[in-house]
Amino acid sequence: MLENQKIRPAQVIGPLGEPLTVDSLPPPNTTRWVVRRKAEVVAAVAGGLLSVDDACKRYRLSLEEFTSWQRAVDRSGMPGLRVTRLKHYRDQYERQQRY
């Protein structure tokens, strides 16, 4: 029976090095997504605190939106999540892929 249950950690390390728990994540009714909040949700999923489906349901995100956050963090770290610099980081990544 236990092998069918998914074991999740009580906490993971957040993007700023602080411990994250489910209670310390952004509230489910968040409407203003700043870089730190996006990065916390991505870190929670990466660390196994939430599944992708749980995160999308909890925050009413589309799978595409969440995966775009993951790609941005993988490519450029937290600065890649800045909406005002999105095109800059996307162009930078595409240039790196060419060479």
PDB file of N, CA and C in Angstrom:
ATOM      1  N   MET A   1       0.794  -1.206   0.000  1.00  0.00           N
ATOM      2  CA  MET A   1       0.000   0.000   0.000  1.00  0.00           C
ATOM      3  C   MET A   1       0.833   1.265   0.000  1.00  0.00           C
ATOM      4  N   LEU A   2       1.883   1.317   0.788  1.00  0.00           N
ATOM      5  CA  LEU A   2       2.690   2.514   0.880  1.00  0.00           C
ATOM      6  C   LEU A   2       3.375   2.854  -0.429  1.00  0.00           C
ATOM      7  N   GLU A   3       3.702   1.834  -1.242  1.00  0.00           N
ATOM      8  CA  GLU A   3       4.376   2.139  -2.487  1.00  0.00           C
ATOM      9  C   GLU A   3       3.477   2.875  -3.468  1.00  0.00           C
ATOM     10  N   ASN A   4       2.168   2.823  -3.266  1.00  0.00           N
ATOM     11  CA  ASN A   4       1.242   3.537  -4.144  1.00  0.00           C
ATOM     12  C   ASN A   4       1.044   4.988  -3.725  1.00  0.00           C
ATOM     13  N   GLN A   5       1.440   5.320  -2.517  1.00  0.00           N
ATOM     14  CA  GLN A   5       1.288   6.686  -2.035  1.00  0.00           C
ATOM     15  C   GLN A   5       2.482   7.511  -2.467  1.00  0.00           C
ATOM     16  N   LYS A   6       2.216   8.725  -2.849  1.00  0.00           N
ATOM     17  CA  LYS A   6       3.305   9.621  -3.227  1.00  0.00           C
ATOM     18  C   LYS A   6       3.799  10.330  -1.980  1.00  0.00           C
ATOM     19  N   ILE A   7       5.073  10.185  -1.711  1.00  0.00           N
ATOM     20  CA  ILE A   7       5.667  10.835  -0.547  1.00  0.00           C
ATOM     21  C   ILE A   7       6.213  12.175  -0.994  1.00  0.00           C
ATOM     22  N   ARG A   8       5.754  13.202  -0.337  1.00  0.00           N
ATOM     23  CA  ARG A   8       6.201  14.554  -0.668  1.00  0.00           C
ATOM     24  C   ARG A   8       6.983  15.122   0.498  1.00  0.00           C
ATOM     25  N   PRO A   9       7.992  15.904   0.184  1.00  0.00           N
ATOM     26  CA  PRO A   9       8.771  16.503   1.282  1.00  0.00           C
ATOM     27  C   PRO A   9       7.942  17.553   2.022  1.00  0.00           C
ATOM     28  N   ALA A  10       8.273  17.776   3.271  1.00  0.00           N
ATOM     29  CA  ALA A  10       7.591  18.799   4.063  1.00  0.00           C
ATOM     30  C   ALA A  10       8.034  20.192   3.639  1.00  0.00           C
ATOM     31  N   GLN A  11       9.265  20.288   3.139  1.00  0.00           N
ATOM     32  CA  GLN A  11       9.775  21.581   2.679  1.00  0.00           C
ATOM     33  C   GLN A  11      10.827  21.358   1.611  1.00  0.00           C
ATOM     34  N   VAL A  12      11.024  22.381   0.802  1.00  0.00           N
ATOM     35  CA  VAL A  12      12.074  22.392  -0.214  1.00  0.00           C
ATOM     36  C   VAL A  12      12.809  23.719  -0.105  1.00  0.00           C
ATOM     37  N   ILE A  13      13.942  23.811  -0.752  1.00  0.00           N
ATOM     38  CA  ILE A  13      14.691  25.066  -0.745  1.00  0.00           C
ATOM     39  C   ILE A  13      14.152  25.952  -1.865  1.00  0.00           C
ATOM     40  N   GLY A  14      13.794  27.167  -1.506  1.00  0.00           N
ATOM     41  CA  GLY A  14      13.230  28.114  -2.459  1.00  0.00           C
ATOM     42  C   GLY A  14      14.292  28.782  -3.310  1.00  0.00           C
ATOM     43  N   PRO A  15      13.868  29.632  -4.217  1.00  0.00           N
ATOM     44  CA  PRO A  15      14.794  30.278  -5.139  1.00  0.00           C
ATOM     45  C   PRO A  15      15.780  31.233  -4.470  1.00  0.00           C
ATOM     46  N   LEU A  16      15.451  31.709  -3.296  1.00  0.00           N
ATOM     47  CA  LEU A  16      16.346  32.618  -2.578  1.00  0.00           C
ATOM     48  C   LEU A  16      17.099  31.904  -1.461  1.00  0.00           C
ATOM     49  N   GLY A  17      17.019  30.559  -1.433  1.00  0.00           N
ATOM     50  CA  GLY A  17      17.732  29.770  -0.441  1.00  0.00           C
ATOM     51  C   GLY A  17      16.973  29.539   0.848  1.00  0.00           C
ATOM     52  N   GLU A  18      15.766  30.029   0.962  1.00  0.00           N
ATOM     53  CA  GLU A  18      14.972  29.864   2.165  1.00  0.00           C
ATOM     54  C   GLU A  18      14.100  28.610   2.033  1.00  0.00           C
ATOM     55  N   PRO A  19      13.731  27.987   3.161  1.00  0.00           N
ATOM     56  CA  PRO A  19      12.860  26.814   3.080  1.00  0.00           C
ATOM     57  C   PRO A  19      11.448  27.222   2.661  1.00  0.00           C
ATOM     58  N   LEU A  20      10.862  26.417   1.776  1.00  0.00           N
ATOM     59  CA  LEU A  20       9.481  26.636   1.341  1.00  0.00           C
ATOM     60  C   LEU A  20       8.627  25.468   1.805  1.00  0.00           C
ATOM     61  N   THR A  21       7.473  25.779   2.361  1.00  0.00           N
ATOM     62  CA  THR A  21       6.473  24.762   2.692  1.00  0.00           C
ATOM     63  C   THR A  21       5.222  25.105   1.905  1.00  0.00           C
ATOM     64  N   VAL A  22       4.257  24.206   1.908  1.00  0.00           N
ATOM     65  CA  VAL A  22       2.997  24.481   1.212  1.00  0.00           C
ATOM     66  C   VAL A  22       2.357  25.740   1.796  1.00  0.00           C
ATOM     67  N   ASP A  23       2.470  25.918   3.111  1.00  0.00           N
ATOM     68  CA  ASP A  23       1.871  27.090   3.758  1.00  0.00           C
ATOM     69  C   ASP A  23       2.584  28.392   3.403  1.00  0.00           C
ATOM     70  N   SER A  24       3.870  28.318   3.077  1.00  0.00           N
ATOM     71  CA  SER A  24       4.599  29.545   2.768  1.00  0.00           C
ATOM     72  C   SER A  24       4.566  29.906   1.276  1.00  0.00           C
ATOM     73  N   LEU A  25       3.957  29.057   0.463  1.00  0.00           N
ATOM     74  CA  LEU A  25       3.816  29.369  -0.964  1.00  0.00           C
ATOM     75  C   LEU A  25       2.849  30.538  -1.144  1.00  0.00           C
ATOM     76  N   PRO A  26       2.875  31.171  -2.301  1.00  0.00           N
ATOM     77  CA  PRO A  26       1.911  32.252  -2.541  1.00  0.00           C
ATOM     78  C   PRO A  26       0.482  31.739  -2.360  1.00  0.00           C
ATOM     79  N   PRO A  27      -0.421  32.587  -1.891  1.00  0.00           N
ATOM     80  CA  PRO A  27      -1.804  32.140  -1.688  1.00  0.00           C
ATOM     81  C   PRO A  27      -2.463  31.761  -3.020  1.00  0.00           C
ATOM     82  N   PRO A  28      -3.417  30.828  -2.979  1.00  0.00           N
ATOM     83  CA  PRO A  28      -4.079  30.389  -4.213  1.00  0.00           C
ATOM     84  C   PRO A  28      -4.792  31.498  -4.984  1.00  0.00           C
ATOM     85  N   ASN A  29      -5.181  32.552  -4.318  1.00  0.00           N
ATOM     86  CA  ASN A  29      -5.901  33.634  -5.003  1.00  0.00           C
ATOM     87  C   ASN A  29      -4.966  34.717  -5.537  1.00  0.00           C
ATOM     88  N   THR A  30      -3.684  34.411  -5.686  1.00  0.00           N
ATOM     89  CA  THR A  30      -2.702  35.382  -6.182  1.00  0.00           C
ATOM     90  C   THR A  30      -3.063  35.823  -7.592  1.00  0.00           C
ATOM     91  N   THR A  31      -3.080  37.127  -7.809  1.00  0.00           N
ATOM     92  CA  THR A  31      -3.347  37.655  -9.149  1.00  0.00           C
ATOM     93  C   THR A  31      -2.157  38.452  -9.679  1.00  0.00           C
ATOM     94  N   ARG A  32      -1.309  38.936  -8.796  1.00  0.00           N
ATOM     95  CA  ARG A  32      -0.135  39.705  -9.212  1.00  0.00           C
ATOM     96  C   ARG A  32       1.091  38.813  -9.087  1.00  0.00           C
ATOM     97  N   TRP A  33       1.593  38.364 -10.213  1.00  0.00           N
ATOM     98  CA  TRP A  33       2.689  37.402 -10.236  1.00  0.00           C
ATOM     99  C   TRP A  33       4.024  38.108 -10.422  1.00  0.00           C
ATOM    100  N   VAL A  34       4.682  38.380  -9.312  1.00  0.00           N
ATOM    101  CA  VAL A  34       6.021  38.955  -9.370  1.00  0.00           C
ATOM    102  C   VAL A  34       7.024  37.814  -9.539  1.00  0.00           C
ATOM    103  N   VAL A  35       8.244  38.155  -9.884  1.00  0.00           N
ATOM    104  CA  VAL A  35       9.283  37.162 -10.168  1.00  0.00           C
ATOM    105  C   VAL A  35       9.445  36.177  -9.015  1.00  0.00           C
ATOM    106  N   ARG A  36       9.540  36.666  -7.804  1.00  0.00           N
ATOM    107  CA  ARG A  36       9.761  35.795  -6.647  1.00  0.00           C
ATOM    108  C   ARG A  36       8.654  34.758  -6.507  1.00  0.00           C
ATOM    109  N   ARG A  37       7.399  35.157  -6.663  1.00  0.00           N
ATOM    110  CA  ARG A  37       6.277  34.224  -6.520  1.00  0.00           C
ATOM    111  C   ARG A  37       6.302  33.152  -7.608  1.00  0.00           C
ATOM    112  N   LYS A  38       6.579  33.564  -8.829  1.00  0.00           N
ATOM    113  CA  LYS A  38       6.679  32.585  -9.913  1.00  0.00           C
ATOM    114  C   LYS A  38       7.790  31.589  -9.615  1.00  0.00           C
ATOM    115  N   ALA A  39       8.942  32.105  -9.184  1.00  0.00           N
ATOM    116  CA  ALA A  39      10.092  31.248  -8.898  1.00  0.00           C
ATOM    117  C   ALA A  39       9.798  30.298  -7.732  1.00  0.00           C
ATOM    118  N   GLU A  40       9.043  30.742  -6.750  1.00  0.00           N
ATOM    119  CA  GLU A  40       8.684  29.873  -5.635  1.00  0.00           C
ATOM    120  C   GLU A  40       7.818  28.711  -6.100  1.00  0.00           C
ATOM    121  N   VAL A  41       6.862  28.981  -6.969  1.00  0.00           N
ATOM    122  CA  VAL A  41       6.001  27.910  -7.477  1.00  0.00           C
ATOM    123  C   VAL A  41       6.822  26.926  -8.314  1.00  0.00           C
ATOM    124  N   VAL A  42       7.700  27.428  -9.152  1.00  0.00           N
ATOM    125  CA  VAL A  42       8.562  26.556  -9.959  1.00  0.00           C
ATOM    126  C   VAL A  42       9.448  25.707  -9.045  1.00  0.00           C
ATOM    127  N   ALA A  43      10.024  26.303  -8.015  1.00  0.00           N
ATOM    128  CA  ALA A  43      10.880  25.568  -7.081  1.00  0.00           C
ATOM    129  C   ALA A  43      10.088  24.509  -6.316  1.00  0.00           C
ATOM    130  N   ALA A  44       8.857  24.830  -5.953  1.00  0.00           N
ATOM    131  CA  ALA A  44       8.011  23.870  -5.239  1.00  0.00           C
ATOM    132  C   ALA A  44       7.734  22.647  -6.102  1.00  0.00           C
ATOM    133  N   VAL A  45       7.483  22.863  -7.373  1.00  0.00           N
ATOM    134  CA  VAL A  45       7.237  21.741  -8.282  1.00  0.00           C
ATOM    135  C   VAL A  45       8.530  20.957  -8.509  1.00  0.00           C
ATOM    136  N   ALA A  46       9.626  21.664  -8.734  1.00  0.00           N
ATOM    137  CA  ALA A  46      10.912  20.995  -8.976  1.00  0.00           C
ATOM    138  C   ALA A  46      11.334  20.157  -7.766  1.00  0.00           C
ATOM    139  N   GLY A  47      11.035  20.630  -6.573  1.00  0.00           N
ATOM    140  CA  GLY A  47      11.410  19.923  -5.359  1.00  0.00           C
ATOM    141  C   GLY A  47      10.435  18.850  -4.933  1.00  0.00           C
ATOM    142  N   GLY A  48       9.300  18.749  -5.621  1.00  0.00           N
ATOM    143  CA  GLY A  48       8.321  17.722  -5.296  1.00  0.00           C
ATOM    144  C   GLY A  48       7.296  18.131  -4.260  1.00  0.00           C
ATOM    145  N   LEU A  49       7.306  19.386  -3.855  1.00  0.00           N
ATOM    146  CA  LEU A  49       6.332  19.868  -2.875  1.00  0.00           C
ATOM    147  C   LEU A  49       4.931  19.884  -3.471  1.00  0.00           C
ATOM    148  N   LEU A  50       4.830  20.237  -4.734  1.00  0.00           N
ATOM    149  CA  LEU A  50       3.575  20.218  -5.494  1.00  0.00           C
ATOM    150  C   LEU A  50       3.825  19.493  -6.810  1.00  0.00           C
ATOM    151  N   SER A  51       2.784  18.883  -7.346  1.00  0.00           N
ATOM    152  CA  SER A  51       2.895  18.348  -8.703  1.00  0.00           C
ATOM    153  C   SER A  51       2.541  19.472  -9.674  1.00  0.00           C
ATOM    154  N   VAL A  52       2.857  19.283 -10.929  1.00  0.00           N
ATOM    155  CA  VAL A  52       2.503  20.289 -11.934  1.00  0.00           C
ATOM    156  C   VAL A  52       0.993  20.480 -11.953  1.00  0.00           C
ATOM    157  N   ASP A  53       0.253  19.384 -11.911  1.00  0.00           N
ATOM    158  CA  ASP A  53      -1.213  19.481 -11.917  1.00  0.00           C
ATOM    159  C   ASP A  53      -1.727  20.235 -10.696  1.00  0.00           C
ATOM    160  N   ASP A  54      -1.155  19.938  -9.528  1.00  0.00           N
ATOM    161  CA  ASP A  54      -1.567  20.637  -8.301  1.00  0.00           C
ATOM    162  C   ASP A  54      -1.299  22.134  -8.411  1.00  0.00           C
ATOM    163  N   ALA A  55      -0.126  22.485  -8.923  1.00  0.00           N
ATOM    164  CA  ALA A  55       0.228  23.902  -9.054  1.00  0.00           C
ATOM    165  C   ALA A  55      -0.719  24.605 -10.029  1.00  0.00           C
ATOM    166  N   CYS A  56      -1.004  23.975 -11.144  1.00  0.00           N
ATOM    167  CA  CYS A  56      -1.897  24.593 -12.137  1.00  0.00           C
ATOM    168  C   CYS A  56      -3.303  24.769 -11.576  1.00  0.00           C
ATOM    169  N   LYS A  57      -3.799  23.771 -10.862  1.00  0.00           N
ATOM    170  CA  LYS A  57      -5.135  23.881 -10.260  1.00  0.00           C
ATOM    171  C   LYS A  57      -5.157  24.932  -9.160  1.00  0.00           C
ATOM    172  N   ARG A  58      -4.162  24.867  -8.285  1.00  0.00           N
ATOM    173  CA  ARG A  58      -4.105  25.782  -7.131  1.00  0.00           C
ATOM    174  C   ARG A  58      -4.069  27.234  -7.575  1.00  0.00           C
ATOM    175  N   TYR A  59      -3.286  27.523  -8.624  1.00  0.00           N
ATOM    176  CA  TYR A  59      -3.098  28.913  -9.048  1.00  0.00           C
ATOM    177  C   TYR A  59      -3.852  29.272 -10.334  1.00  0.00           C
ATOM    178  N   ARG A  60      -4.688  28.371 -10.792  1.00  0.00           N
ATOM    179  CA  ARG A  60      -5.483  28.600 -12.008  1.00  0.00           C
ATOM    180  C   ARG A  60      -4.585  29.008 -13.185  1.00  0.00           C
ATOM    181  N   LEU A  61      -3.542  28.203 -13.395  1.00  0.00           N
ATOM    182  CA  LEU A  61      -2.595  28.444 -14.485  1.00  0.00           C
ATOM    183  C   LEU A  61      -2.833  27.412 -15.581  1.00  0.00           C
ATOM    184  N   SER A  62      -2.558  27.798 -16.789  1.00  0.00           N
ATOM    185  CA  SER A  62      -2.564  26.808 -17.854  1.00  0.00           C
ATOM    186  C   SER A  62      -1.230  26.071 -17.802  1.00  0.00           C
ATOM    187  N   LEU A  63      -1.203  24.888 -18.353  1.00  0.00           N
ATOM    188  CA  LEU A  63       0.040  24.124 -18.395  1.00  0.00           C
ATOM    189  C   LEU A  63       1.094  24.884 -19.186  1.00  0.00           C
ATOM    190  N   GLU A  64       0.676  25.555 -20.247  1.00  0.00           N
ATOM    191  CA  GLU A  64       1.608  26.327 -21.076  1.00  0.00           C
ATOM    192  C   GLU A  64       2.235  27.471 -20.287  1.00  0.00           C
ATOM    193  N   GLU A  65       1.418  28.141 -19.478  1.00  0.00           N
ATOM    194  CA  GLU A  65       1.952  29.252 -18.690  1.00  0.00           C
ATOM    195  C   GLU A  65       2.981  28.747 -17.675  1.00  0.00           C
ATOM    196  N   PHE A  66       2.637  27.659 -16.984  1.00  0.00           N
ATOM    197  CA  PHE A  66       3.572  27.130 -15.998  1.00  0.00           C
ATOM    198  C   PHE A  66       4.856  26.650 -16.668  1.00  0.00           C
ATOM    199  N   THR A  67       4.750  25.940 -17.771  1.00  0.00           N
ATOM    200  CA  THR A  67       5.960  25.453 -18.430  1.00  0.00           C
ATOM    201  C   THR A  67       6.800  26.605 -18.977  1.00  0.00           C
ATOM    202  N   SER A  68       6.153  27.713 -19.336  1.00  0.00           N
ATOM    203  CA  SER A  68       6.945  28.878 -19.769  1.00  0.00           C
ATOM    204  C   SER A  68       7.746  29.433 -18.600  1.00  0.00           C
ATOM    205  N   TRP A  69       7.199  29.399 -17.400  1.00  0.00           N
ATOM    206  CA  TRP A  69       7.943  29.814 -16.204  1.00  0.00           C
ATOM    207  C   TRP A  69       9.123  28.884 -15.979  1.00  0.00           C
ATOM    208  N   GLN A  70       8.895  27.580 -16.103  1.00  0.00           N
ATOM    209  CA  GLN A  70       9.977  26.620 -15.917  1.00  0.00           C
ATOM    210  C   GLN A  70      11.100  26.845 -16.930  1.00  0.00           C
ATOM    211  N   ARG A  71      10.734  27.024 -18.190  1.00  0.00           N
ATOM    212  CA  ARG A  71      11.740  27.263 -19.231  1.00  0.00           C
ATOM    213  C   ARG A  71      12.520  28.531 -18.942  1.00  0.00           C
ATOM    214  N   ALA A  72      11.826  29.582 -18.520  1.00  0.00           N
ATOM    215  CA  ALA A  72      12.495  30.855 -18.231  1.00  0.00           C
ATOM    216  C   ALA A  72      13.507  30.691 -17.105  1.00  0.00           C
ATOM    217  N   VAL A  73      13.147  29.956 -16.059  1.00  0.00           N
ATOM    218  CA  VAL A  73      14.060  29.729 -14.939  1.00  0.00           C
ATOM    219  C   VAL A  73      15.240  28.873 -15.396  1.00  0.00           C
ATOM    220  N   ASP A  74      14.976  27.844 -16.189  1.00  0.00           N
ATOM    221  CA  ASP A  74      16.054  26.973 -16.673  1.00  0.00           C
ATOM    222  C   ASP A  74      17.032  27.740 -17.555  1.00  0.00           C
ATOM    223  N   ARG A  75      16.525  28.622 -18.375  1.00  0.00           N
ATOM    224  CA  ARG A  75      17.371  29.350 -19.327  1.00  0.00           C
ATOM    225  C   ARG A  75      18.114  30.513 -18.696  1.00  0.00           C
ATOM    226  N   SER A  76      17.411  31.313 -17.891  1.00  0.00           N
ATOM    227  CA  SER A  76      17.987  32.575 -17.424  1.00  0.00           C
ATOM    228  C   SER A  76      17.898  32.789 -15.928  1.00  0.00           C
ATOM    229  N   GLY A  77      17.439  31.812 -15.181  1.00  0.00           N
ATOM    230  CA  GLY A  77      17.275  31.988 -13.744  1.00  0.00           C
ATOM    231  C   GLY A  77      16.094  32.912 -13.449  1.00  0.00           C
ATOM    232  N   MET A  78      16.054  33.422 -12.255  1.00  0.00           N
ATOM    233  CA  MET A  78      14.945  34.291 -11.857  1.00  0.00           C
ATOM    234  C   MET A  78      14.774  35.517 -12.756  1.00  0.00           C
ATOM    235  N   PRO A  79      15.847  36.150 -13.221  1.00  0.00           N
ATOM    236  CA  PRO A  79      15.637  37.310 -14.097  1.00  0.00           C
ATOM    237  C   PRO A  79      14.854  36.986 -15.366  1.00  0.00           C
ATOM    238  N   GLY A  80      14.891  35.733 -15.799  1.00  0.00           N
ATOM    239  CA  GLY A  80      14.149  35.339 -16.989  1.00  0.00           C
ATOM    240  C   GLY A  80      12.642  35.398 -16.809  1.00  0.00           C
ATOM    241  N   LEU A  81      12.188  35.470 -15.571  1.00  0.00           N
ATOM    242  CA  LEU A  81      10.751  35.545 -15.285  1.00  0.00           C
ATOM    243  C   LEU A  81      10.209  36.965 -15.371  1.00  0.00           C
ATOM    244  N   ARG A  82      11.083  37.935 -15.542  1.00  0.00           N
ATOM    245  CA  ARG A  82      10.633  39.325 -15.609  1.00  0.00           C
ATOM    246  C   ARG A  82       9.932  39.570 -16.932  1.00  0.00           C
ATOM    247  N   VAL A  83       8.701  39.970 -16.867  1.00  0.00           N
ATOM    248  CA  VAL A  83       7.909  40.196 -18.066  1.00  0.00           C
ATOM    249  C   VAL A  83       8.502  41.324 -18.900  1.00  0.00           C
ATOM    250  N   THR A  84       9.040  42.328 -18.252  1.00  0.00           N
ATOM    251  CA  THR A  84       9.571  43.474 -18.991  1.00  0.00           C
ATOM    252  C   THR A  84      10.819  43.119 -19.775  1.00  0.00           C
ATOM    253  N   ARG A  85      11.507  42.047 -19.424  1.00  0.00           N
ATOM    254  CA  ARG A  85      12.738  41.655 -20.099  1.00  0.00           C
ATOM    255  C   ARG A  85      12.586  40.339 -20.866  1.00  0.00           C
ATOM    256  N   LEU A  86      11.354  39.861 -21.014  1.00  0.00           N
ATOM    257  CA  LEU A  86      11.095  38.569 -21.633  1.00  0.00           C
ATOM    258  C   LEU A  86      11.720  38.458 -23.019  1.00  0.00           C
ATOM    259  N   LYS A  87      11.501  39.450 -23.857  1.00  0.00           N
ATOM    260  CA  LYS A  87      12.037  39.398 -25.213  1.00  0.00           C
ATOM    261  C   LYS A  87      13.563  39.375 -25.199  1.00  0.00           C
ATOM    262  N   HIS A  88      14.181  40.150 -24.326  1.00  0.00           N
ATOM    263  CA  HIS A  88      15.642  40.175 -24.228  1.00  0.00           C
ATOM    264  C   HIS A  88      16.189  38.780 -23.917  1.00  0.00           C
ATOM    265  N   TYR A  89      15.621  38.106 -22.901  1.00  0.00           N
ATOM    266  CA  TYR A  89      16.117  36.795 -22.510  1.00  0.00           C
ATOM    267  C   TYR A  89      15.812  35.747 -23.576  1.00  0.00           C
ATOM    268  N   ARG A  90      14.678  35.861 -24.233  1.00  0.00           N
ATOM    269  CA  ARG A  90      14.344  34.930 -25.312  1.00  0.00           C
ATOM    270  C   ARG A  90      15.337  35.076 -26.460  1.00  0.00           C
ATOM    271  N   ASP A  91      15.634  36.307 -26.857  1.00  0.00           N
ATOM    272  CA  ASP A  91      16.608  36.545 -27.926  1.00  0.00           C
ATOM    273  C   ASP A  91      17.992  36.044 -27.538  1.00  0.00           C
ATOM    274  N   GLN A  92      18.377  36.292 -26.306  1.00  0.00           N
ATOM    275  CA  GLN A  92      19.678  35.848 -25.815  1.00  0.00           C
ATOM    276  C   GLN A  92      19.779  34.324 -25.883  1.00  0.00           C
ATOM    277  N   TYR A  93      18.733  33.634 -25.478  1.00  0.00           N
ATOM    278  CA  TYR A  93      18.734  32.173 -25.519  1.00  0.00           C
ATOM    279  C   TYR A  93      18.831  31.671 -26.962  1.00  0.00           C
ATOM    280  N   GLU A  94      18.084  32.290 -27.856  1.00  0.00           N
ATOM    281  CA  GLU A  94      18.117  31.854 -29.257  1.00  0.00           C
ATOM    282  C   GLU A  94      19.487  32.084 -29.869  1.00  0.00           C
ATOM    283  N   ARG A  95      20.162  33.168 -29.527  1.00  0.00           N
ATOM    284  CA  ARG A  95      21.520  33.413 -30.017  1.00  0.00           C
ATOM    285  C   ARG A  95      22.478  32.341 -29.497  1.00  0.00           C
ATOM    286  N   GLN A  96      22.339  31.964 -28.247  1.00  0.00           N
ATOM    287  CA  GLN A  96      23.205  30.934 -27.666  1.00  0.00           C
ATOM    288  C   GLN A  96      22.995  29.591 -28.362  1.00  0.00           C
ATOM    289  N   GLN A  97      21.780  29.307 -28.753  1.00  0.00           N
ATOM    290  CA  GLN A  97      21.490  28.033 -29.408  1.00  0.00           C
ATOM    291  C   GLN A  97      22.091  27.948 -30.805  1.00  0.00           C
ATOM    292  N   ARG A  98      22.264  29.097 -31.454  1.00  0.00           N
ATOM    293  CA  ARG A  98      22.817  29.111 -32.793  1.00  0.00           C
ATOM    294  C   ARG A  98      24.303  28.849 -32.825  1.00  0.00           C
ATOM    295  N   TYR A  99      25.011  29.214 -31.757  1.00  0.00           N
ATOM    296  CA  TYR A  99      26.480  29.121 -31.759  1.00  0.00           C
ATOM    297  C   TYR A  99      26.992  27.984 -30.921  1.00  0.00           C
TER     298      TYR A  99
END
